[in-house]
């Protein structure tokens, strides 16, 4: 039961981090209200007008979310810390991949975001599950 609560706690914190940083990004670079996400050409035109900072904020959000999901889950799970941490970080990683391939992001961002999310997620898992139980 403790592992389930650790898993859920890690995911909740991760989702809150993503929401918070995406709100900051949306405040700095708002999405046009009349943008139709079903029209690939319009979305690509809008993406080309965004500065790299907008994409970097998203990559930071995803990386921190994966790190925190793995760290908190691994830290608070009593036993099987590594397994619980990997599961939580993997859920965030899969959700990020679905997000990246649902919309039309530049290739450099897709590659960068995938690498950042996976590396920071694994780092969080290792850090969170490395504590010594007395």
N, C-alpha and C. Protein backbone atom coordinates (compact mmCIF):
# COMPACT_ATOMS: atom_id res chain seq x y z
N UNK A 1 0.82 -1.19 0.00
CA UNK A 1 0.00 0.00 0.00
C UNK A 1 0.87 1.26 0.00
N UNK A 2 1.99 1.17 0.72
CA UNK A 2 2.88 2.33 0.79
C UNK A 2 3.45 2.67 -0.59
N UNK A 3 3.73 1.64 -1.38
CA UNK A 3 4.26 1.87 -2.72
C UNK A 3 3.24 2.59 -3.60
N UNK A 4 1.97 2.24 -3.46
CA UNK A 4 0.93 2.89 -4.24
C UNK A 4 0.83 4.36 -3.88
N UNK A 5 0.86 4.67 -2.60
CA UNK A 5 0.81 6.08 -2.18
C UNK A 5 2.04 6.84 -2.64
N UNK A 6 3.19 6.20 -2.61
CA UNK A 6 4.41 6.85 -3.09
C UNK A 6 4.31 7.14 -4.58
N UNK A 7 3.81 6.18 -5.33
CA UNK A 7 3.62 6.33 -6.77
C UNK A 7 2.68 7.49 -7.08
N UNK A 8 1.55 7.53 -6.40
CA UNK A 8 0.55 8.58 -6.62
C UNK A 8 1.10 9.94 -6.20
N UNK A 9 1.81 10.00 -5.08
CA UNK A 9 2.38 11.27 -4.62
C UNK A 9 3.38 11.80 -5.62
N UNK A 10 4.23 10.94 -6.16
CA UNK A 10 5.20 11.36 -7.16
C UNK A 10 4.53 11.90 -8.41
N UNK A 11 3.47 11.24 -8.86
CA UNK A 11 2.76 11.70 -10.05
C UNK A 11 2.03 13.03 -9.82
N UNK A 12 1.45 13.18 -8.64
CA UNK A 12 0.74 14.43 -8.34
C UNK A 12 1.71 15.61 -8.35
N UNK A 13 2.85 15.45 -7.71
CA UNK A 13 3.84 16.53 -7.70
C UNK A 13 4.33 16.83 -9.11
N UNK A 14 4.56 15.79 -9.90
CA UNK A 14 5.03 15.97 -11.27
C UNK A 14 4.01 16.73 -12.12
N UNK A 15 2.75 16.37 -12.00
CA UNK A 15 1.71 17.05 -12.76
C UNK A 15 1.59 18.51 -12.32
N UNK A 16 1.71 18.77 -11.04
CA UNK A 16 1.65 20.15 -10.55
C UNK A 16 2.82 20.98 -11.08
N UNK A 17 4.00 20.39 -11.17
CA UNK A 17 5.16 21.10 -11.72
C UNK A 17 4.92 21.44 -13.18
N UNK A 18 4.41 20.48 -13.95
CA UNK A 18 4.14 20.74 -15.37
C UNK A 18 3.10 21.84 -15.52
N UNK A 19 2.03 21.76 -14.76
CA UNK A 19 0.98 22.78 -14.86
C UNK A 19 1.53 24.16 -14.52
N UNK A 20 2.31 24.25 -13.46
CA UNK A 20 2.84 25.54 -13.02
C UNK A 20 3.77 26.15 -14.09
N UNK A 21 4.68 25.36 -14.61
CA UNK A 21 5.61 25.90 -15.61
C UNK A 21 4.92 26.17 -16.95
N UNK A 22 3.93 25.37 -17.30
CA UNK A 22 3.20 25.64 -18.53
C UNK A 22 2.36 26.92 -18.40
N UNK A 23 1.88 27.20 -17.21
CA UNK A 23 1.16 28.46 -16.99
C UNK A 23 2.10 29.65 -17.14
N UNK A 24 3.32 29.50 -16.66
CA UNK A 24 4.32 30.57 -16.83
C UNK A 24 4.61 30.76 -18.31
N UNK A 25 4.80 29.66 -19.03
CA UNK A 25 5.07 29.74 -20.47
C UNK A 25 3.89 30.38 -21.21
N UNK A 26 2.69 30.00 -20.84
CA UNK A 26 1.50 30.55 -21.49
C UNK A 26 1.34 32.04 -21.19
N UNK A 27 1.76 32.47 -20.01
CA UNK A 27 1.72 33.89 -19.68
C UNK A 27 2.73 34.70 -20.49
N UNK A 28 3.90 34.10 -20.73
CA UNK A 28 4.93 34.79 -21.51
C UNK A 28 4.65 34.74 -23.01
N UNK A 29 4.18 33.59 -23.48
CA UNK A 29 3.94 33.37 -24.91
C UNK A 29 2.56 32.77 -25.10
N UNK A 30 1.51 33.60 -25.08
CA UNK A 30 0.15 33.06 -25.13
C UNK A 30 -0.19 32.43 -26.49
N UNK A 31 -1.01 31.41 -26.42
CA UNK A 31 -1.51 30.76 -27.63
C UNK A 31 -2.62 31.61 -28.21
N UNK A 32 -2.61 31.87 -29.51
CA UNK A 32 -3.71 32.64 -30.12
C UNK A 32 -5.05 31.94 -29.90
N UNK A 33 -6.04 32.71 -29.58
CA UNK A 33 -7.36 32.14 -29.30
C UNK A 33 -8.02 31.49 -30.50
N UNK A 34 -7.71 31.96 -31.69
CA UNK A 34 -8.36 31.42 -32.89
C UNK A 34 -7.56 30.31 -33.56
N UNK A 35 -6.53 29.79 -32.88
CA UNK A 35 -5.68 28.75 -33.46
C UNK A 35 -6.40 27.41 -33.47
N UNK A 36 -6.48 26.80 -34.66
CA UNK A 36 -7.11 25.50 -34.83
C UNK A 36 -6.02 24.43 -34.83
N UNK A 37 -5.95 23.62 -33.78
CA UNK A 37 -4.89 22.63 -33.66
C UNK A 37 -5.06 21.47 -34.65
N UNK A 38 -6.20 21.39 -35.30
CA UNK A 38 -6.40 20.37 -36.32
C UNK A 38 -5.78 20.76 -37.65
N UNK A 39 -5.48 22.04 -37.83
CA UNK A 39 -4.86 22.54 -39.06
C UNK A 39 -3.35 22.57 -38.88
N UNK A 40 -2.69 21.60 -39.48
CA UNK A 40 -1.24 21.43 -39.28
C UNK A 40 -0.47 22.66 -39.76
N UNK A 41 -0.85 23.25 -40.86
CA UNK A 41 -0.12 24.40 -41.40
C UNK A 41 -0.19 25.61 -40.48
N UNK A 42 -1.36 25.87 -39.91
CA UNK A 42 -1.49 27.01 -38.98
C UNK A 42 -0.68 26.78 -37.71
N UNK A 43 -0.69 25.55 -37.21
CA UNK A 43 0.07 25.24 -36.00
C UNK A 43 1.56 25.38 -36.27
N UNK A 44 2.02 24.90 -37.42
CA UNK A 44 3.43 25.03 -37.78
C UNK A 44 3.84 26.49 -37.92
N UNK A 45 2.97 27.30 -38.53
CA UNK A 45 3.25 28.74 -38.65
C UNK A 45 3.39 29.37 -37.27
N UNK A 46 2.49 29.03 -36.38
CA UNK A 46 2.54 29.61 -35.04
C UNK A 46 3.78 29.13 -34.29
N UNK A 47 4.12 27.85 -34.42
CA UNK A 47 5.30 27.30 -33.74
C UNK A 47 6.58 28.00 -34.22
N UNK A 48 6.63 28.38 -35.50
CA UNK A 48 7.82 29.05 -36.03
C UNK A 48 7.98 30.45 -35.47
N UNK A 49 6.90 31.05 -35.00
CA UNK A 49 7.00 32.40 -34.43
C UNK A 49 7.45 32.38 -32.97
N UNK A 50 7.35 31.22 -32.33
CA UNK A 50 7.73 31.13 -30.92
C UNK A 50 9.25 31.15 -30.78
N UNK A 51 9.76 31.86 -29.77
CA UNK A 51 11.21 31.83 -29.53
C UNK A 51 11.60 30.51 -28.87
N UNK A 52 12.88 30.22 -28.89
CA UNK A 52 13.39 28.97 -28.30
C UNK A 52 13.10 28.90 -26.81
N UNK A 53 12.98 30.05 -26.17
CA UNK A 53 12.71 30.09 -24.73
C UNK A 53 11.40 29.39 -24.38
N UNK A 54 10.41 29.52 -25.22
CA UNK A 54 9.12 28.86 -24.97
C UNK A 54 9.29 27.35 -24.94
N UNK A 55 10.08 26.82 -25.85
CA UNK A 55 10.30 25.38 -25.89
C UNK A 55 11.18 24.93 -24.73
N UNK A 56 12.15 25.75 -24.35
CA UNK A 56 13.04 25.40 -23.25
C UNK A 56 12.28 25.34 -21.94
N UNK A 57 11.32 26.24 -21.75
CA UNK A 57 10.49 26.19 -20.54
C UNK A 57 9.73 24.87 -20.48
N UNK A 58 9.21 24.42 -21.61
CA UNK A 58 8.50 23.14 -21.63
C UNK A 58 9.44 21.98 -21.32
N UNK A 59 10.64 22.01 -21.88
CA UNK A 59 11.61 20.94 -21.62
C UNK A 59 12.00 20.92 -20.15
N UNK A 60 12.17 22.08 -19.55
CA UNK A 60 12.49 22.16 -18.13
C UNK A 60 11.34 21.60 -17.30
N UNK A 61 10.11 21.94 -17.68
CA UNK A 61 8.94 21.44 -16.97
C UNK A 61 8.88 19.92 -17.01
N UNK A 62 9.09 19.37 -18.19
CA UNK A 62 9.02 17.91 -18.33
C UNK A 62 10.17 17.22 -17.59
N UNK A 63 11.36 17.79 -17.66
CA UNK A 63 12.50 17.21 -16.96
C UNK A 63 12.33 17.24 -15.46
N UNK A 64 11.91 18.39 -14.93
CA UNK A 64 11.69 18.49 -13.48
C UNK A 64 10.56 17.58 -13.02
N UNK A 65 9.54 17.44 -13.85
CA UNK A 65 8.43 16.55 -13.49
C UNK A 65 8.88 15.10 -13.43
N UNK A 66 9.66 14.68 -14.41
CA UNK A 66 10.16 13.30 -14.40
C UNK A 66 11.10 13.07 -13.22
N UNK A 67 11.96 14.05 -12.95
CA UNK A 67 12.87 13.95 -11.81
C UNK A 67 12.09 13.83 -10.51
N UNK A 68 11.12 14.72 -10.31
CA UNK A 68 10.38 14.70 -9.05
C UNK A 68 9.52 13.46 -8.91
N UNK A 69 8.94 12.96 -10.00
CA UNK A 69 8.15 11.73 -9.92
C UNK A 69 9.03 10.56 -9.48
N UNK A 70 10.20 10.43 -10.10
CA UNK A 70 11.10 9.35 -9.72
C UNK A 70 11.67 9.53 -8.33
N UNK A 71 12.03 10.76 -7.99
CA UNK A 71 12.65 11.04 -6.69
C UNK A 71 11.66 10.81 -5.55
N UNK A 72 10.50 11.41 -5.64
CA UNK A 72 9.52 11.31 -4.54
C UNK A 72 9.01 9.88 -4.40
N UNK A 73 8.73 9.24 -5.52
CA UNK A 73 8.26 7.85 -5.45
C UNK A 73 9.32 6.93 -4.87
N UNK A 74 10.55 7.09 -5.33
CA UNK A 74 11.62 6.26 -4.81
C UNK A 74 11.94 6.55 -3.36
N UNK A 75 11.83 7.79 -2.96
CA UNK A 75 12.16 8.19 -1.60
C UNK A 75 11.13 7.71 -0.59
N UNK A 76 9.86 7.74 -0.96
CA UNK A 76 8.80 7.45 0.01
C UNK A 76 8.31 6.01 -0.02
N UNK A 77 8.64 5.26 -1.06
CA UNK A 77 8.23 3.85 -1.10
C UNK A 77 9.08 3.08 -0.10
N UNK A 78 8.47 2.28 0.72
CA UNK A 78 9.22 1.55 1.74
C UNK A 78 10.14 0.51 1.13
N UNK A 79 9.58 -0.40 0.38
CA UNK A 79 10.38 -1.41 -0.31
C UNK A 79 10.17 -1.24 -1.81
N UNK A 80 11.02 -1.88 -2.57
CA UNK A 80 10.96 -1.76 -4.04
C UNK A 80 11.04 -0.31 -4.48
N UNK A 81 11.92 0.45 -3.86
CA UNK A 81 12.02 1.89 -4.14
C UNK A 81 12.38 2.16 -5.59
N UNK A 82 13.33 1.41 -6.11
CA UNK A 82 13.77 1.62 -7.49
C UNK A 82 12.64 1.31 -8.47
N UNK A 83 11.91 0.26 -8.24
CA UNK A 83 10.82 -0.13 -9.13
C UNK A 83 9.71 0.91 -9.14
N UNK A 84 9.32 1.36 -7.97
CA UNK A 84 8.25 2.37 -7.87
C UNK A 84 8.69 3.67 -8.52
N UNK A 85 9.94 4.07 -8.30
CA UNK A 85 10.45 5.29 -8.91
C UNK A 85 10.50 5.20 -10.42
N UNK A 86 10.94 4.05 -10.93
CA UNK A 86 10.99 3.87 -12.39
C UNK A 86 9.59 3.90 -12.98
N UNK A 87 8.64 3.31 -12.29
CA UNK A 87 7.26 3.31 -12.80
C UNK A 87 6.72 4.74 -12.87
N UNK A 88 6.94 5.53 -11.84
CA UNK A 88 6.42 6.90 -11.82
C UNK A 88 7.10 7.76 -12.89
N UNK A 89 8.42 7.66 -12.98
CA UNK A 89 9.13 8.44 -14.00
C UNK A 89 8.75 7.98 -15.40
N UNK A 90 8.48 6.70 -15.57
CA UNK A 90 8.08 6.18 -16.88
C UNK A 90 6.71 6.69 -17.30
N UNK A 91 5.81 6.82 -16.35
CA UNK A 91 4.48 7.37 -16.68
C UNK A 91 4.62 8.79 -17.21
N UNK A 92 5.42 9.60 -16.54
CA UNK A 92 5.65 10.97 -17.01
C UNK A 92 6.32 10.95 -18.37
N UNK A 93 7.31 10.10 -18.56
CA UNK A 93 8.02 10.01 -19.83
C UNK A 93 7.07 9.63 -20.97
N UNK A 94 6.19 8.67 -20.74
CA UNK A 94 5.24 8.26 -21.77
C UNK A 94 4.26 9.39 -22.08
N UNK A 95 3.79 10.08 -21.06
CA UNK A 95 2.88 11.21 -21.30
C UNK A 95 3.56 12.32 -22.09
N UNK A 96 4.84 12.57 -21.82
CA UNK A 96 5.59 13.57 -22.57
C UNK A 96 5.73 13.14 -24.03
N UNK A 97 6.01 11.86 -24.26
CA UNK A 97 6.11 11.38 -25.64
C UNK A 97 4.80 11.51 -26.39
N UNK A 98 3.70 11.21 -25.74
CA UNK A 98 2.39 11.38 -26.38
C UNK A 98 2.17 12.84 -26.72
N UNK A 99 2.51 13.74 -25.80
CA UNK A 99 2.38 15.18 -26.03
C UNK A 99 3.25 15.63 -27.20
N UNK A 100 4.49 15.16 -27.25
CA UNK A 100 5.42 15.58 -28.29
C UNK A 100 4.97 15.13 -29.68
N UNK A 101 4.38 13.95 -29.76
CA UNK A 101 4.00 13.44 -31.07
C UNK A 101 2.54 13.70 -31.42
N UNK A 102 1.81 14.36 -30.53
CA UNK A 102 0.45 14.76 -30.85
C UNK A 102 0.43 16.08 -31.60
N UNK A 103 1.32 16.99 -31.22
CA UNK A 103 1.38 18.30 -31.86
C UNK A 103 2.60 18.37 -32.76
N UNK A 104 2.76 19.47 -33.43
CA UNK A 104 3.79 19.61 -34.46
C UNK A 104 4.95 20.45 -33.95
N UNK A 105 5.81 19.84 -33.15
CA UNK A 105 6.94 20.55 -32.58
C UNK A 105 8.15 20.43 -33.50
N UNK A 106 9.07 21.39 -33.39
CA UNK A 106 10.32 21.26 -34.17
C UNK A 106 11.10 20.02 -33.73
N UNK A 107 11.83 19.45 -34.66
CA UNK A 107 12.57 18.22 -34.39
C UNK A 107 13.58 18.40 -33.27
N UNK A 108 14.28 19.55 -33.24
CA UNK A 108 15.29 19.77 -32.20
C UNK A 108 14.66 19.73 -30.82
N UNK A 109 13.42 20.23 -30.71
CA UNK A 109 12.75 20.23 -29.42
C UNK A 109 12.32 18.83 -29.02
N UNK A 110 11.83 18.05 -29.95
CA UNK A 110 11.40 16.68 -29.65
C UNK A 110 12.58 15.87 -29.13
N UNK A 111 13.72 15.98 -29.80
CA UNK A 111 14.91 15.23 -29.38
C UNK A 111 15.40 15.73 -28.01
N UNK A 112 15.51 17.04 -27.86
CA UNK A 112 15.99 17.62 -26.61
C UNK A 112 15.08 17.27 -25.45
N UNK A 113 13.78 17.41 -25.64
CA UNK A 113 12.83 17.14 -24.57
C UNK A 113 12.84 15.67 -24.18
N UNK A 114 12.96 14.79 -25.15
CA UNK A 114 13.01 13.36 -24.86
C UNK A 114 14.25 13.01 -24.04
N UNK A 115 15.39 13.56 -24.43
CA UNK A 115 16.64 13.28 -23.71
C UNK A 115 16.61 13.87 -22.30
N UNK A 116 16.18 15.10 -22.18
CA UNK A 116 16.12 15.77 -20.86
C UNK A 116 15.18 15.01 -19.93
N UNK A 117 14.02 14.64 -20.42
CA UNK A 117 13.04 13.96 -19.58
C UNK A 117 13.56 12.60 -19.13
N UNK A 118 14.17 11.85 -20.04
CA UNK A 118 14.65 10.52 -19.65
C UNK A 118 15.84 10.59 -18.70
N UNK A 119 16.78 11.49 -18.96
CA UNK A 119 17.97 11.58 -18.09
C UNK A 119 17.59 12.08 -16.70
N UNK A 120 16.79 13.14 -16.64
CA UNK A 120 16.41 13.65 -15.31
C UNK A 120 15.49 12.68 -14.58
N UNK A 121 14.63 11.97 -15.30
CA UNK A 121 13.79 10.96 -14.65
C UNK A 121 14.62 9.86 -14.03
N UNK A 122 15.61 9.37 -14.76
CA UNK A 122 16.49 8.32 -14.22
C UNK A 122 17.31 8.84 -13.05
N UNK A 123 17.78 10.07 -13.15
CA UNK A 123 18.54 10.68 -12.06
C UNK A 123 17.69 10.78 -10.79
N UNK A 124 16.44 11.16 -10.96
CA UNK A 124 15.53 11.25 -9.82
C UNK A 124 15.29 9.89 -9.18
N UNK A 125 15.14 8.87 -10.00
CA UNK A 125 14.92 7.52 -9.48
C UNK A 125 16.13 7.06 -8.68
N UNK A 126 17.31 7.24 -9.24
CA UNK A 126 18.54 6.80 -8.55
C UNK A 126 18.73 7.59 -7.26
N UNK A 127 18.51 8.90 -7.31
CA UNK A 127 18.68 9.73 -6.11
C UNK A 127 17.67 9.38 -5.03
N UNK A 128 16.43 9.20 -5.42
CA UNK A 128 15.38 8.93 -4.44
C UNK A 128 15.48 7.55 -3.82
N UNK A 129 15.95 6.58 -4.57
CA UNK A 129 15.99 5.23 -4.04
C UNK A 129 17.33 4.88 -3.40
N UNK A 130 18.26 5.82 -3.36
CA UNK A 130 19.60 5.54 -2.85
C UNK A 130 19.73 5.71 -1.34
N UNK A 131 18.69 6.12 -0.66
CA UNK A 131 18.82 6.34 0.78
C UNK A 131 18.99 5.01 1.49
N UNK A 132 19.65 5.06 2.62
CA UNK A 132 19.93 3.87 3.41
C UNK A 132 18.84 3.72 4.46
N UNK A 133 18.25 2.56 4.50
CA UNK A 133 17.20 2.30 5.48
C UNK A 133 17.85 1.72 6.73
N UNK A 134 17.59 2.37 7.86
CA UNK A 134 18.19 1.90 9.12
C UNK A 134 17.28 0.94 9.84
